[in-house]
């Protein structure tokens, strides 16, 4: 899995603390840019489905995505 090393920045600063929390939780598993992309995708998905995205909801969705990605990656190796 190739990941960029540019400075990851969520497009919505309301979720920067979610990125920080999940990046620490998944350090050694996912690069911070992957965490940022998952948080952004979770935010967009939550807004699409519920019409709003709270940091708590985005965190739970992004964590699930990151766990699934880690499992899929582990199964490939």
C-alpha atoms as a PDB file:
ATOM      1  CA  UNK A   1       0.000   0.000   0.000  1.00  0.00           C
ATOM      2  CA  UNK A   2       1.631   3.256  -1.127  1.00  0.00           C
ATOM      3  CA  UNK A   3       0.923   6.321   0.917  1.00  0.00           C
ATOM      4  CA  UNK A   4       1.907   9.916   0.527  1.00  0.00           C
ATOM      5  CA  UNK A   5       4.150  11.539   3.063  1.00  0.00           C
ATOM      6  CA  UNK A   6       2.885  15.090   2.617  1.00  0.00           C
ATOM      7  CA  UNK A   7       1.562  16.802   5.702  1.00  0.00           C
ATOM      8  CA  UNK A   8      -1.915  15.371   6.231  1.00  0.00           C
ATOM      9  CA  UNK A   9      -4.601  17.918   6.875  1.00  0.00           C
ATOM     10  CA  UNK A  10      -8.286  17.219   7.173  1.00  0.00           C
ATOM     11  CA  UNK A  11     -10.349  19.521   5.014  1.00  0.00           C
ATOM     12  CA  UNK A  12     -12.514  20.428   8.026  1.00  0.00           C
ATOM     13  CA  UNK A  13     -10.610  21.561  11.112  1.00  0.00           C
ATOM     14  CA  UNK A  14     -13.509  20.575  13.406  1.00  0.00           C
ATOM     15  CA  UNK A  15     -12.215  17.019  12.963  1.00  0.00           C
ATOM     16  CA  UNK A  16      -8.491  17.638  13.470  1.00  0.00           C
ATOM     17  CA  UNK A  17      -8.711  16.220  17.001  1.00  0.00           C
ATOM     18  CA  UNK A  18     -10.320  13.055  15.575  1.00  0.00           C
ATOM     19  CA  UNK A  19      -7.409  12.702  13.152  1.00  0.00           C
ATOM     20  CA  UNK A  20      -4.934  13.192  16.003  1.00  0.00           C
ATOM     21  CA  UNK A  21      -6.661  10.622  18.208  1.00  0.00           C
ATOM     22  CA  UNK A  22      -6.954   7.966  15.495  1.00  0.00           C
ATOM     23  CA  UNK A  23      -3.440   8.624  14.163  1.00  0.00           C
ATOM     24  CA  UNK A  24      -2.097   7.894  17.650  1.00  0.00           C
ATOM     25  CA  UNK A  25      -4.331   4.832  18.011  1.00  0.00           C
ATOM     26  CA  UNK A  26      -3.260   3.414  14.646  1.00  0.00           C
ATOM     27  CA  UNK A  27       0.370   4.525  14.662  1.00  0.00           C
ATOM     28  CA  UNK A  28       2.506   1.748  13.274  1.00  0.00           C
ATOM     29  CA  UNK A  29      -0.521   0.438  11.379  1.00  0.00           C
ATOM     30  CA  UNK A  30      -1.604   3.299   9.124  1.00  0.00           C
ATOM     31  CA  UNK A  31       0.154   6.441   7.982  1.00  0.00           C
ATOM     32  CA  UNK A  32      -1.469   9.667   9.187  1.00  0.00           C
ATOM     33  CA  UNK A  33      -2.509  10.506   5.615  1.00  0.00           C
ATOM     34  CA  UNK A  34      -4.598   7.300   5.544  1.00  0.00           C
ATOM     35  CA  UNK A  35      -6.228   8.293   8.826  1.00  0.00           C
ATOM     36  CA  UNK A  36      -6.982  11.742   7.422  1.00  0.00           C
ATOM     37  CA  UNK A  37      -8.594  10.266   4.308  1.00  0.00           C
ATOM     38  CA  UNK A  38     -10.729   7.914   6.436  1.00  0.00           C
ATOM     39  CA  UNK A  39     -11.863  10.770   8.678  1.00  0.00           C
ATOM     40  CA  UNK A  40     -12.775  12.872   5.650  1.00  0.00           C
ATOM     41  CA  UNK A  41     -14.644   9.953   4.053  1.00  0.00           C
ATOM     42  CA  UNK A  42     -16.466   9.255   7.325  1.00  0.00           C
ATOM     43  CA  UNK A  43     -17.473  12.899   7.592  1.00  0.00           C
ATOM     44  CA  UNK A  44     -18.803  12.964   4.048  1.00  0.00           C
ATOM     45  CA  UNK A  45     -20.651   9.690   4.572  1.00  0.00           C
ATOM     46  CA  UNK A  46     -22.241  10.844   7.814  1.00  0.00           C
ATOM     47  CA  UNK A  47     -23.359  14.101   6.219  1.00  0.00           C
ATOM     48  CA  UNK A  48     -24.798  12.217   3.250  1.00  0.00           C
ATOM     49  CA  UNK A  49     -26.752   9.728   5.384  1.00  0.00           C
ATOM     50  CA  UNK A  50     -27.789  11.781   8.413  1.00  0.00           C
ATOM     51  CA  UNK A  51     -27.434  15.350   7.181  1.00  0.00           C
ATOM     52  CA  UNK A  52     -24.814  16.149   9.828  1.00  0.00           C
ATOM     53  CA  UNK A  53     -21.492  14.885  11.074  1.00  0.00           C
ATOM     54  CA  UNK A  54     -20.518  15.128  14.711  1.00  0.00           C
ATOM     55  CA  UNK A  55     -16.935  14.436  15.741  1.00  0.00           C
ATOM     56  CA  UNK A  56     -18.120  11.474  17.833  1.00  0.00           C
ATOM     57  CA  UNK A  57     -19.932   9.848  14.907  1.00  0.00           C
ATOM     58  CA  UNK A  58     -17.081  10.548  12.492  1.00  0.00           C
ATOM     59  CA  UNK A  59     -14.589   9.040  14.931  1.00  0.00           C
ATOM     60  CA  UNK A  60     -16.581   5.795  15.247  1.00  0.00           C
ATOM     61  CA  UNK A  61     -17.059   5.432  11.485  1.00  0.00           C
ATOM     62  CA  UNK A  62     -13.412   6.229  10.695  1.00  0.00           C
ATOM     63  CA  UNK A  63     -12.182   3.801  13.376  1.00  0.00           C
ATOM     64  CA  UNK A  64     -14.239   1.003  11.824  1.00  0.00           C
ATOM     65  CA  UNK A  65     -12.837   1.808   8.368  1.00  0.00           C
ATOM     66  CA  UNK A  66      -9.285   1.794   9.709  1.00  0.00           C
ATOM     67  CA  UNK A  67      -9.812  -1.527  11.476  1.00  0.00           C
ATOM     68  CA  UNK A  68     -11.164  -3.101   8.284  1.00  0.00           C
ATOM     69  CA  UNK A  69      -8.239  -1.729   6.267  1.00  0.00           C
ATOM     70  CA  UNK A  70      -5.780  -3.157   8.793  1.00  0.00           C
ATOM     71  CA  UNK A  71      -7.446  -6.576   8.624  1.00  0.00           C
ATOM     72  CA  UNK A  72      -7.505  -6.559   4.824  1.00  0.00           C
ATOM     73  CA  UNK A  73      -3.858  -5.548   4.694  1.00  0.00           C
ATOM     74  CA  UNK A  74      -2.896  -8.254   7.228  1.00  0.00           C
ATOM     75  CA  UNK A  75      -4.680 -10.920   5.185  1.00  0.00           C
ATOM     76  CA  UNK A  76      -2.724  -9.946   2.079  1.00  0.00           C
ATOM     77  CA  UNK A  77       0.618 -10.495   3.811  1.00  0.00           C
END
